[in-house]
Every structure is written in C-alpha cells, then in structure tokens.
C-alpha cells in the first residue's frame, strides 16, 4: 500500500523505520508537527520523525493544523491507501480522515479500551498495572474509541519508568503496526469494536500532577517518581527551590530510620525521606539549574540539618 505516516516524537521513529523497511508498503510522505524551539537558544528544530524522513528522502508535510487547506490538497494529490499514525500530537478532522481509502490507523500504547488519551504509559505505571500493551485501531472522531485491529501485551516491571516501558512498546509496537498494514492490505484483518466496559482515561500529566505528596504511602511515591520519568519529572521543594526526583528505592528494613512524611535523614552512603508508610531512599535527584546527581552526593553538598523536610 501507499502510506502516509503521521508521527512526531522519537517514540514514533521505530514504527516509521519498520514501515520503510517493509517489502509490501511504500511510505510516500510523512506528516509531523511543525518545527519547534528547543535548547537554550530556542532555535527551531525539526521533529525526530521529520529528521528520519528527510534522511530517507521522504516528503515531509508540517501543517500548523491538519485542517489547513494546503495540507489537505497535497494529501489528496498523494492519494494514500492508508495513513498509519504514532504519537502525531494533533486531532485529525473528519475531512482529513476521509481522504485515504482505508483510513487512518493509530498505534496506541495501551490495551484499549484502557487508558485512552495522551499519556497511557504514564497512567499505567501510576496505577500500578502489572501488564499493559499496545493496540492498533481505526481512527474515528472519538478519543481513541475506534475499532481495534490487533494488540500485544507487555509486562510492567517493578522498576520501570514510563520512559523504559514506552521504549519497549515503541519497538514491539512497530511490528504490530506493520502486521496491521499487511492484514488490511490482504483483507485478512478486520477491526473489532471496543467493548463498552473497561474504559479508562489517560490525560496528559501536567507539572503540578508530578509534585510528590510525602504523606502518601511509599508505594504511591515510588509510582509517581517512576510514572513521571522522564517527563514531566516528579518533583518536590527543598529550601524554597524545586528538586527533581529521578529515581527512588525502598529503604532496607534494617536501616530504616523513623521519619515523619518529608523528613530527611542522611547516612554515609544514602539519603532517606519519610512517607506516609515507610521511608524511601532518594537514588537520583536533580537540583534546580544543575545536572542529575546521586541523592547521597546532593545531600552531602547541601549539608542537610536535623529535622529538615522536603515539600516545605
């Protein structure tokens, strides 16, 4: 089939690569978000998908909005058979959905109908799901509600961050997307409506959502830190400045000090913080304006005083 691939971030690149490598399909163009400012100089930078497409000599379309008339006219000229999508980042209007003969097919990183929305992997980690996965489905006007072509499952490991899990799903899901394109082309695959039961929503995790509540149990604190890594990044406040929390671990039973929620305790090799249940060790942190560092190194550098707390 003639394909127009839609995607923007790095997580979409494995799927694009898999489709380019496919013997049965031709990626004739890519749709991605416009160049965005990045870095200290706020220089305009092309998306990872745009960069990969340009390397492969594929036409790149960067509409400000996917309802722009110039974009729609060019898409009609290209006349794709199908448009596979991975993390494009914009809602597609019906006029665009109607252009490809076999519609737009999204690779979504959850087992639909669970975790419909922008942040399915983050919410799976935050919720403590033991298994998640990826689904391919036909895009319609509703939020991730279209009929499903195929699924794969993936174990959520106890130490997984959202970044770890998303990376594995991106590579596994690329094979699922190619198989879905194959099945649509030869007619062996039919989309099945999603069940009405089991629907859950996964809205974008905002910065305020990533603030750690030290009165919560240690299990919840751990999930927030892992679920918000690498973005937007779990955080707390220390001496009036934001402290990013990159990883934590349960304190060994024989070394656990008695600590109030948020209270800090420093040993020769570690720094612990109290929660609503038992303390956790801060393994990696990032002070405001500085590079990531080991929690123990940070604690020694700031010379924590007895009774000081995070979150105050």
Protein backbone atom coordinates (compact mmCIF):
# COMPACT_ATOMS: atom_id res chain seq x y z
CA UNK A 1 0.00 0.00 0.00
CA UNK A 2 0.94 3.64 -0.45
CA UNK A 3 1.28 5.03 3.05
CA UNK A 4 1.47 8.50 4.56
CA UNK A 5 2.91 8.14 8.06
CA UNK A 6 1.94 10.62 10.80
CA UNK A 7 4.09 10.99 13.91
CA UNK A 8 6.27 13.46 15.76
CA UNK A 9 8.46 12.36 18.72
CA UNK A 10 11.32 9.88 18.99
CA UNK A 11 8.95 7.15 20.14
CA UNK A 12 7.36 7.16 16.65
CA UNK A 13 10.64 6.59 14.80
CA UNK A 14 10.84 2.77 15.26
CA UNK A 15 7.43 2.39 13.58
CA UNK A 16 8.46 4.65 10.71
CA UNK A 17 11.67 2.63 10.26
CA UNK A 18 9.72 -0.63 10.25
CA UNK A 19 7.32 0.62 7.60
CA UNK A 20 10.17 1.95 5.44
CA UNK A 21 11.83 -1.48 5.66
CA UNK A 22 8.64 -3.32 4.71
CA UNK A 23 8.64 -5.03 1.31
CA UNK A 24 4.88 -4.71 0.92
CA UNK A 25 4.37 -0.99 1.56
CA UNK A 26 5.78 2.33 0.41
CA UNK A 27 5.96 5.34 2.72
CA UNK A 28 5.41 8.15 0.22
CA UNK A 29 5.17 11.03 2.72
CA UNK A 30 5.29 11.86 6.41
CA UNK A 31 3.05 14.22 8.38
CA UNK A 32 4.55 15.73 11.53
CA UNK A 33 4.23 18.75 13.81
CA UNK A 34 5.93 22.00 12.74
CA UNK A 35 9.49 22.74 13.83
CA UNK A 36 9.57 23.82 17.48
CA UNK A 37 12.02 25.92 19.54
CA UNK A 38 14.46 23.88 21.62
CA UNK A 39 17.60 24.35 23.71
CA UNK A 40 18.92 27.46 25.38
CA UNK A 41 18.97 29.40 22.13
CA UNK A 42 15.35 28.42 21.39
CA UNK A 43 16.38 27.53 17.86
CA UNK A 44 13.70 25.94 15.68
CA UNK A 45 14.31 22.20 15.45
CA UNK A 46 12.60 19.61 13.27
CA UNK A 47 10.83 16.70 14.97
CA UNK A 48 12.63 13.33 15.21
CA UNK A 49 10.19 11.89 12.69
CA UNK A 50 10.87 14.75 10.25
CA UNK A 51 14.62 14.24 10.58
CA UNK A 52 14.32 10.50 9.93
CA UNK A 53 12.06 11.03 6.92
CA UNK A 54 14.43 13.59 5.42
CA UNK A 55 17.33 11.15 5.85
CA UNK A 56 15.30 8.58 3.92
CA UNK A 57 14.39 11.05 1.17
CA UNK A 58 10.69 11.05 2.02
CA UNK A 59 8.49 14.11 1.55
CA UNK A 60 7.66 15.82 4.86
CA UNK A 61 4.43 17.74 5.48
CA UNK A 62 4.30 20.06 8.51
CA UNK A 63 0.83 21.62 8.70
CA UNK A 64 0.20 24.05 11.54
CA UNK A 65 -3.21 22.43 11.75
CA UNK A 66 -4.28 19.26 9.90
CA UNK A 67 -7.34 21.10 8.58
CA UNK A 68 -5.17 23.58 6.63
CA UNK A 69 -6.36 23.66 3.03
CA UNK A 70 -2.86 23.42 1.52
CA UNK A 71 -2.15 20.30 3.54
CA UNK A 72 -5.47 18.67 2.66
CA UNK A 73 -4.96 19.47 -1.02
CA UNK A 74 -1.49 17.89 -1.01
CA UNK A 75 -2.79 14.81 0.83
CA UNK A 76 -5.47 14.38 -1.85
CA UNK A 77 -2.78 14.65 -4.54
CA UNK A 78 -0.68 11.96 -2.86
CA UNK A 79 -3.79 9.74 -2.58
CA UNK A 80 -2.53 7.34 0.10
CA UNK A 81 -4.18 3.97 0.60
CA UNK A 82 -3.78 4.25 4.38
CA UNK A 83 -2.26 6.60 6.96
CA UNK A 84 -0.59 4.87 9.94
CA UNK A 85 -0.20 7.13 12.99
CA UNK A 86 2.07 7.03 16.06
CA UNK A 87 2.00 9.94 18.53
CA UNK A 88 1.29 12.62 15.92
CA UNK A 89 0.10 15.12 18.52
CA UNK A 90 -2.88 16.79 16.83
CA UNK A 91 -6.55 15.91 16.37
CA UNK A 92 -7.47 14.93 12.84
CA UNK A 93 -10.64 16.48 11.39
CA UNK A 94 -13.14 14.33 9.51
CA UNK A 95 -12.19 15.95 6.22
CA UNK A 96 -8.66 14.57 6.65
CA UNK A 97 -9.85 11.19 7.95
CA UNK A 98 -11.91 10.71 4.77
CA UNK A 99 -9.00 11.15 2.33
CA UNK A 100 -7.10 7.81 2.49
CA UNK A 101 -9.06 4.91 1.00
CA UNK A 102 -8.50 2.73 4.07
CA UNK A 103 -8.48 5.45 6.68
CA UNK A 104 -6.01 6.33 9.43
CA UNK A 105 -4.75 3.58 11.73
CA UNK A 106 -3.26 4.50 15.09
CA UNK A 107 -0.69 2.60 17.15
CA UNK A 108 -1.70 3.38 20.75
CA UNK A 109 0.36 2.30 23.73
CA UNK A 110 -2.28 0.62 25.88
CA UNK A 111 -4.68 -2.31 25.79
CA UNK A 112 -7.75 -0.46 24.62
CA UNK A 113 -10.27 0.48 25.91
CA UNK A 114 -7.95 1.03 28.89
CA UNK A 115 -6.04 4.31 29.06
CA UNK A 116 -7.50 6.28 26.18
CA UNK A 117 -5.72 9.61 25.85
CA UNK A 118 -2.35 11.34 25.62
CA UNK A 119 -0.42 9.57 28.40
CA UNK A 120 -1.36 5.87 28.50
CA UNK A 121 2.05 4.57 29.57
CA UNK A 122 2.44 7.10 32.38
CA UNK A 123 -1.01 6.25 33.74
CA UNK A 124 -0.31 2.51 33.57
CA UNK A 125 2.77 3.00 35.77
CA UNK A 126 0.97 5.39 38.12
CA UNK A 127 -1.88 2.91 38.53
CA UNK A 128 0.45 0.02 39.28
CA UNK A 129 -0.68 -2.05 36.29
CA UNK A 130 1.22 -5.32 36.06
CA UNK A 131 0.50 -5.75 32.33
CA UNK A 132 -0.07 -3.20 29.59
CA UNK A 133 0.50 -3.29 25.84
CA UNK A 134 -0.22 -1.67 22.50
CA UNK A 135 -3.21 -1.62 20.16
CA UNK A 136 -3.76 -0.69 16.54
CA UNK A 137 -7.17 0.80 15.78
CA UNK A 138 -9.09 2.70 13.13
CA UNK A 139 -9.18 6.39 13.99
CA UNK A 140 -12.62 7.96 14.22
CA UNK A 141 -13.90 11.21 15.70
CA UNK A 142 -13.98 9.93 19.30
CA UNK A 143 -10.99 9.81 21.65
CA UNK A 144 -9.13 6.55 20.88
CA UNK A 145 -12.50 4.85 20.57
CA UNK A 146 -12.28 3.26 17.12
CA UNK A 147 -12.42 -0.46 16.35
CA UNK A 148 -9.25 -2.45 17.10
CA UNK A 149 -7.19 -4.42 14.58
CA UNK A 150 -4.60 -6.01 16.84
CA UNK A 151 -2.96 -5.96 20.27
CA UNK A 152 0.22 -7.07 22.01
CA UNK A 153 0.94 -7.31 25.71
CA UNK A 154 3.96 -6.16 27.73
CA UNK A 155 4.84 -6.79 31.37
CA UNK A 156 5.30 -3.70 33.54
CA UNK A 157 8.47 -4.40 35.53
CA UNK A 158 8.71 -3.27 39.17
CA UNK A 159 11.47 -0.75 38.40
CA UNK A 160 10.11 0.51 35.05
CA UNK A 161 9.92 4.21 34.46
CA UNK A 162 7.46 5.44 31.86
CA UNK A 163 10.45 6.01 29.58
CA UNK A 164 11.66 2.42 29.96
CA UNK A 165 8.24 0.97 29.24
CA UNK A 166 7.49 3.30 26.33
CA UNK A 167 10.78 2.42 24.65
CA UNK A 168 9.97 -1.30 24.74
CA UNK A 169 6.43 -0.70 23.49
CA UNK A 170 7.67 1.52 20.66
CA UNK A 171 9.85 -1.25 19.24
CA UNK A 172 7.37 -4.08 19.85
CA UNK A 173 4.54 -1.94 18.53
CA UNK A 174 6.36 -1.22 15.29
CA UNK A 175 6.00 -4.87 14.33
CA UNK A 176 2.33 -4.81 15.27
CA UNK A 177 1.75 -1.77 13.05
CA UNK A 178 3.44 -3.40 10.04
CA UNK A 179 1.42 -6.59 10.59
CA UNK A 180 -1.74 -4.49 10.75
CA UNK A 181 -0.89 -2.80 7.44
CA UNK A 182 -0.29 -6.27 5.92
CA UNK A 183 -3.62 -7.56 7.20
CA UNK A 184 -5.55 -4.54 5.96
CA UNK A 185 -3.96 -4.84 2.53
CA UNK A 186 -4.71 -8.54 2.00
CA UNK A 187 -8.10 -8.43 3.73
CA UNK A 188 -7.19 -10.93 6.44
CA UNK A 189 -7.67 -8.44 9.26
CA UNK A 190 -10.95 -6.89 10.35
CA UNK A 191 -11.34 -4.22 13.02
CA UNK A 192 -13.38 -5.24 16.07
CA UNK A 193 -15.40 -2.65 18.06
CA UNK A 194 -14.02 -1.89 21.51
CA UNK A 195 -16.04 -3.19 24.48
CA UNK A 196 -18.06 -0.64 26.41
CA UNK A 197 -16.70 -1.95 29.72
CA UNK A 198 -13.20 -1.25 30.99
CA UNK A 199 -12.82 2.26 29.60
CA UNK A 200 -10.29 4.43 31.44
CA UNK A 201 -8.80 7.80 30.51
CA UNK A 202 -5.16 8.89 30.39
CA UNK A 203 -4.98 12.69 30.13
CA UNK A 204 -1.65 14.48 29.82
CA UNK A 205 0.34 14.57 33.08
CA UNK A 206 0.84 18.21 33.99
CA UNK A 207 3.73 19.54 36.07
CA UNK A 208 1.51 20.06 39.12
CA UNK A 209 0.36 16.42 38.88
CA UNK A 210 4.00 15.35 39.27
CA UNK A 211 4.50 17.01 42.67
CA UNK A 212 5.17 14.32 45.29
CA UNK A 213 2.87 14.12 48.30
CA UNK A 214 5.07 12.81 51.11
CA UNK A 215 2.03 11.89 53.23
CA UNK A 216 1.18 9.23 50.63
CA UNK A 217 2.42 5.65 51.16
CA UNK A 218 5.89 4.78 49.88
CA UNK A 219 4.34 2.64 47.12
CA UNK A 220 2.48 5.66 45.75
CA UNK A 221 5.57 7.88 45.99
CA UNK A 222 7.57 5.31 44.02
CA UNK A 223 4.89 5.10 41.30
CA UNK A 224 4.75 8.87 40.92
CA UNK A 225 8.53 9.12 40.56
CA UNK A 226 8.68 6.27 38.02
CA UNK A 227 5.49 7.25 36.20
CA UNK A 228 6.63 10.84 35.66
CA UNK A 229 10.12 9.90 34.45
CA UNK A 230 11.48 11.26 32.19
CA UNK A 231 8.68 13.79 31.66
CA UNK A 232 7.36 15.92 33.21
CA UNK A 233 9.55 14.69 36.08
CA UNK A 234 8.43 14.16 39.67
CA UNK A 235 9.46 16.98 41.97
CA UNK A 236 9.34 18.43 45.45
CA UNK A 237 10.58 21.58 47.18
CA UNK A 238 13.70 21.92 49.33
CA UNK A 239 14.68 25.24 50.92
CA UNK A 240 12.33 27.07 48.60
CA UNK A 241 13.70 25.59 45.36
CA UNK A 242 12.39 22.81 43.18
CA UNK A 243 14.17 19.45 43.43
CA UNK A 244 13.53 16.94 40.63
CA UNK A 245 13.26 13.32 41.77
CA UNK A 246 14.57 10.92 39.15
CA UNK A 247 14.58 7.58 40.98
CA UNK A 248 13.93 6.19 44.45
CA UNK A 249 14.07 2.85 46.22
CA UNK A 250 12.60 1.33 49.35
CA UNK A 251 14.89 1.74 52.33
CA UNK A 252 16.37 -1.60 53.50
CA UNK A 253 14.43 -2.83 56.52
CA UNK A 254 17.44 -2.92 58.82
CA UNK A 255 18.42 0.68 58.05
CA UNK A 256 15.01 2.37 58.08
CA UNK A 257 15.00 5.39 60.39
CA UNK A 258 11.75 6.62 61.92
CA UNK A 259 10.89 9.65 59.79
CA UNK A 260 7.86 11.90 59.50
CA UNK A 261 6.48 12.48 55.98
CA UNK A 262 9.03 14.53 54.05
CA UNK A 263 11.64 14.40 56.83
CA UNK A 264 15.21 13.75 55.66
CA UNK A 265 17.90 11.55 57.18
CA UNK A 266 21.45 11.16 55.83
CA UNK A 267 23.87 8.28 56.29
CA UNK A 268 27.36 7.82 54.87
CA UNK A 269 26.01 6.19 51.71
CA UNK A 270 22.40 7.28 51.32
CA UNK A 271 19.70 9.86 51.98
CA UNK A 272 16.23 8.79 53.13
CA UNK A 273 12.93 10.63 53.21
CA UNK A 274 9.83 9.78 55.21
CA UNK A 275 6.48 8.96 53.60
CA UNK A 276 3.03 8.06 54.85
CA UNK A 277 4.24 4.49 55.40
CA UNK A 278 7.96 3.68 55.43
CA UNK A 279 10.95 5.77 54.24
CA UNK A 280 12.36 5.67 50.73
CA UNK A 281 15.89 6.30 49.53
CA UNK A 282 16.45 9.13 47.04
CA UNK A 283 18.70 7.43 44.49
CA UNK A 284 18.99 10.16 41.82
CA UNK A 285 17.91 13.79 42.04
CA UNK A 286 18.38 16.97 40.01
CA UNK A 287 18.59 20.29 41.86
CA UNK A 288 17.27 23.36 40.08
CA UNK A 289 19.75 24.59 37.47
CA UNK A 290 22.13 21.64 37.92
CA UNK A 291 22.83 18.23 36.39
CA UNK A 292 21.42 14.99 37.78
CA UNK A 293 23.39 13.54 40.69
CA UNK A 294 23.23 10.74 43.22
CA UNK A 295 20.97 11.52 46.13
CA UNK A 296 23.73 10.93 48.68
CA UNK A 297 26.05 13.36 46.86
CA UNK A 298 23.33 16.00 46.79
CA UNK A 299 22.62 15.55 50.50
CA UNK A 300 26.26 15.93 51.44
CA UNK A 301 26.60 19.01 49.27
CA UNK A 302 23.66 20.89 50.80
CA UNK A 303 24.51 19.75 54.36
CA UNK A 304 21.07 18.75 55.48
CA UNK A 305 20.29 19.75 59.04
CA UNK A 306 18.47 17.57 61.56
CA UNK A 307 14.69 17.72 61.07
CA UNK A 308 14.75 19.34 57.61
CA UNK A 309 11.99 18.25 55.27
CA UNK A 310 11.11 18.05 51.63
CA UNK A 311 7.95 19.75 50.47
CA UNK A 312 8.00 22.62 52.97
